[in-house]
C-alpha atoms as a PDB file:
ATOM      1  CA  MET A   1      25.244 126.215 131.604  1.00  0.00           C
ATOM      2  CA  THR A   2      27.040 129.205 130.082  1.00  0.00           C
ATOM      3  CA  PRO A   3      25.132 131.461 127.729  1.00  0.00           C
ATOM      4  CA  SER A   4      26.051 131.124 124.062  1.00  0.00           C
ATOM      5  CA  LYS A   5      27.731 134.007 122.333  1.00  0.00           C
ATOM      6  CA  GLY A   6      25.797 135.719 119.631  1.00  0.00           C
ATOM      7  CA  PRO A   7      27.170 137.337 116.470  1.00  0.00           C
ATOM      8  CA  SER A   8      27.325 140.743 118.184  1.00  0.00           C
ATOM      9  CA  ASP A   9      29.758 139.331 120.779  1.00  0.00           C
ATOM     10  CA  LEU A  10      32.234 138.591 117.987  1.00  0.00           C
ATOM     11  CA  LEU A  11      32.277 142.238 116.927  1.00  0.00           C
ATOM     12  CA  ILE A  12      33.465 143.543 120.293  1.00  0.00           C
ATOM     13  CA  PRO A  13      37.200 144.355 120.019  1.00  0.00           C
ATOM     14  CA  ALA A  14      39.555 142.842 122.561  1.00  0.00           C
ATOM     15  CA  SER A  15      40.747 145.381 125.114  1.00  0.00           C
ATOM     16  CA  GLN A  16      44.385 144.546 124.386  1.00  0.00           C
ATOM     17  CA  PRO A  17      45.738 142.495 121.495  1.00  0.00           C
ATOM     18  CA  ARG A  18      47.673 139.430 122.561  1.00  0.00           C
ATOM     19  CA  GLU A  19      51.257 139.013 121.486  1.00  0.00           C
ATOM     20  CA  ALA A  20      52.770 135.627 120.756  1.00  0.00           C
ATOM     21  CA  VAL A  21      56.453 135.004 120.147  1.00  0.00           C
ATOM     22  CA  ALA A  22      58.320 132.325 118.226  1.00  0.00           C
ATOM     23  CA  ILE A  23      62.089 131.922 118.149  1.00  0.00           C
ATOM     24  CA  LEU A  24      63.465 130.610 114.861  1.00  0.00           C
ATOM     25  CA  ASN A  25      66.925 129.247 114.176  1.00  0.00           C
ATOM     26  CA  CYS A  26      67.793 130.039 110.539  1.00  0.00           C
ATOM     27  CA  LEU A  27      70.707 129.783 108.141  1.00  0.00           C
ATOM     28  CA  VAL A  28      71.754 133.088 106.547  1.00  0.00           C
ATOM     29  CA  THR A  29      72.326 132.845 102.784  1.00  0.00           C
ATOM     30  CA  ASN A  30      74.948 134.813 100.815  1.00  0.00           C
ATOM     31  CA  ASP A  31      72.375 137.512  99.993  1.00  0.00           C
ATOM     32  CA  GLY A  32      71.090 137.862 103.571  1.00  0.00           C
ATOM     33  CA  HIS A  33      67.902 135.831 103.207  1.00  0.00           C
ATOM     34  CA  LEU A  34      66.991 133.100 105.680  1.00  0.00           C
ATOM     35  CA  THR A  35      66.640 129.405 104.914  1.00  0.00           C
ATOM     36  CA  ASP A  36      66.494 126.043 106.706  1.00  0.00           C
ATOM     37  CA  CYS A  37      64.597 127.581 109.620  1.00  0.00           C
ATOM     38  CA  THR A  38      63.350 125.556 112.571  1.00  0.00           C
ATOM     39  CA  VAL A  39      61.211 126.620 115.514  1.00  0.00           C
ATOM     40  CA  GLN A  40      63.314 126.721 118.692  1.00  0.00           C
ATOM     41  CA  GLY A  41      60.431 127.775 120.916  1.00  0.00           C
ATOM     42  CA  GLU A  42      57.108 129.577 120.962  1.00  0.00           C
ATOM     43  CA  SER A  43      55.052 131.248 123.647  1.00  0.00           C
ATOM     44  CA  SER A  44      51.668 129.890 122.546  1.00  0.00           C
ATOM     45  CA  PRO A  45      52.058 126.633 120.579  1.00  0.00           C
ATOM     46  CA  GLU A  46      48.287 126.177 120.424  1.00  0.00           C
ATOM     47  CA  LEU A  47      48.023 129.326 118.274  1.00  0.00           C
ATOM     48  CA  GLY A  48      50.369 128.026 115.559  1.00  0.00           C
ATOM     49  CA  VAL A  49      52.715 131.008 115.840  1.00  0.00           C
ATOM     50  CA  GLY A  50      55.777 128.882 115.096  1.00  0.00           C
ATOM     51  CA  ASP A  51      54.256 127.623 111.850  1.00  0.00           C
ATOM     52  CA  ALA A  52      53.243 131.150 110.850  1.00  0.00           C
ATOM     53  CA  ALA A  53      56.762 132.439 111.580  1.00  0.00           C
ATOM     54  CA  LEU A  54      58.267 129.665 109.451  1.00  0.00           C
ATOM     55  CA  LYS A  55      56.044 130.652 106.527  1.00  0.00           C
ATOM     56  CA  MET A  56      57.117 134.303 106.829  1.00  0.00           C
ATOM     57  CA  ALA A  57      60.843 133.598 107.260  1.00  0.00           C
ATOM     58  CA  ALA A  58      61.480 133.254 103.516  1.00  0.00           C
ATOM     59  CA  GLN A  59      60.578 136.951 103.180  1.00  0.00           C
ATOM     60  CA  PHE A  60      63.053 138.097 105.855  1.00  0.00           C
ATOM     61  CA  GLN A  61      66.435 139.553 105.011  1.00  0.00           C
ATOM     62  CA  VAL A  62      69.168 140.413 107.486  1.00  0.00           C
ATOM     63  CA  ASP A  63      72.278 142.554 107.369  1.00  0.00           C
ATOM     64  CA  LEU A  64      75.173 140.323 106.369  1.00  0.00           C
ATOM     65  CA  MET A  65      77.550 142.050 108.779  1.00  0.00           C
ATOM     66  CA  GLY A  66      77.043 140.919 112.353  1.00  0.00           C
ATOM     67  CA  PRO A  67      77.722 143.148 115.373  1.00  0.00           C
ATOM     68  CA  ASP A  68      81.220 141.648 115.544  1.00  0.00           C
ATOM     69  CA  GLY A  69      81.996 142.884 112.009  1.00  0.00           C
ATOM     70  CA  LYS A  70      82.048 139.359 110.549  1.00  0.00           C
ATOM     71  CA  SER A  71      79.806 138.086 107.794  1.00  0.00           C
ATOM     72  CA  ARG A  72      76.774 136.087 108.914  1.00  0.00           C
ATOM     73  CA  ALA A  73      76.506 134.290 105.542  1.00  0.00           C
ATOM     74  CA  GLY A  74      76.603 130.532 106.076  1.00  0.00           C
ATOM     75  CA  SER A  75      75.919 130.740 109.799  1.00  0.00           C
ATOM     76  CA  PHE A  76      72.797 130.089 111.854  1.00  0.00           C
ATOM     77  CA  ILE A  77      71.148 132.909 113.793  1.00  0.00           C
ATOM     78  CA  GLN A  78      68.218 133.090 116.181  1.00  0.00           C
ATOM     79  CA  VAL A  79      65.336 135.214 114.948  1.00  0.00           C
ATOM     80  CA  PRO A  80      62.567 136.312 117.332  1.00  0.00           C
ATOM     81  CA  VAL A  81      59.204 136.785 115.612  1.00  0.00           C
ATOM     82  CA  ARG A  82      56.435 138.633 117.454  1.00  0.00           C
ATOM     83  CA  ILE A  83      52.884 138.374 116.185  1.00  0.00           C
ATOM     84  CA  ARG A  84      49.999 140.463 117.477  1.00  0.00           C
ATOM     85  CA  ILE A  85      46.737 138.590 117.747  1.00  0.00           C
ATOM     86  CA  ARG A  86      43.545 140.583 117.901  1.00  0.00           C
END
């Protein structure tokens, strides 16, 4: 039988925060915001990182000019989202 954790055990900080990653596939709007996002993959599905990334995506804005000099408006891009979990 393992000993139960008391309230003081919950106050001990983790030695290193965990990092979880979700990859979103999103449509870039004419003003650089993201819409119609879907989760393409996530490192820790049990933590709900993909769902959290989807909820945040509406607040993201990207540069309309891609590295190739063409507008990204109307195209889908992959967006990595890293979340630190303490």
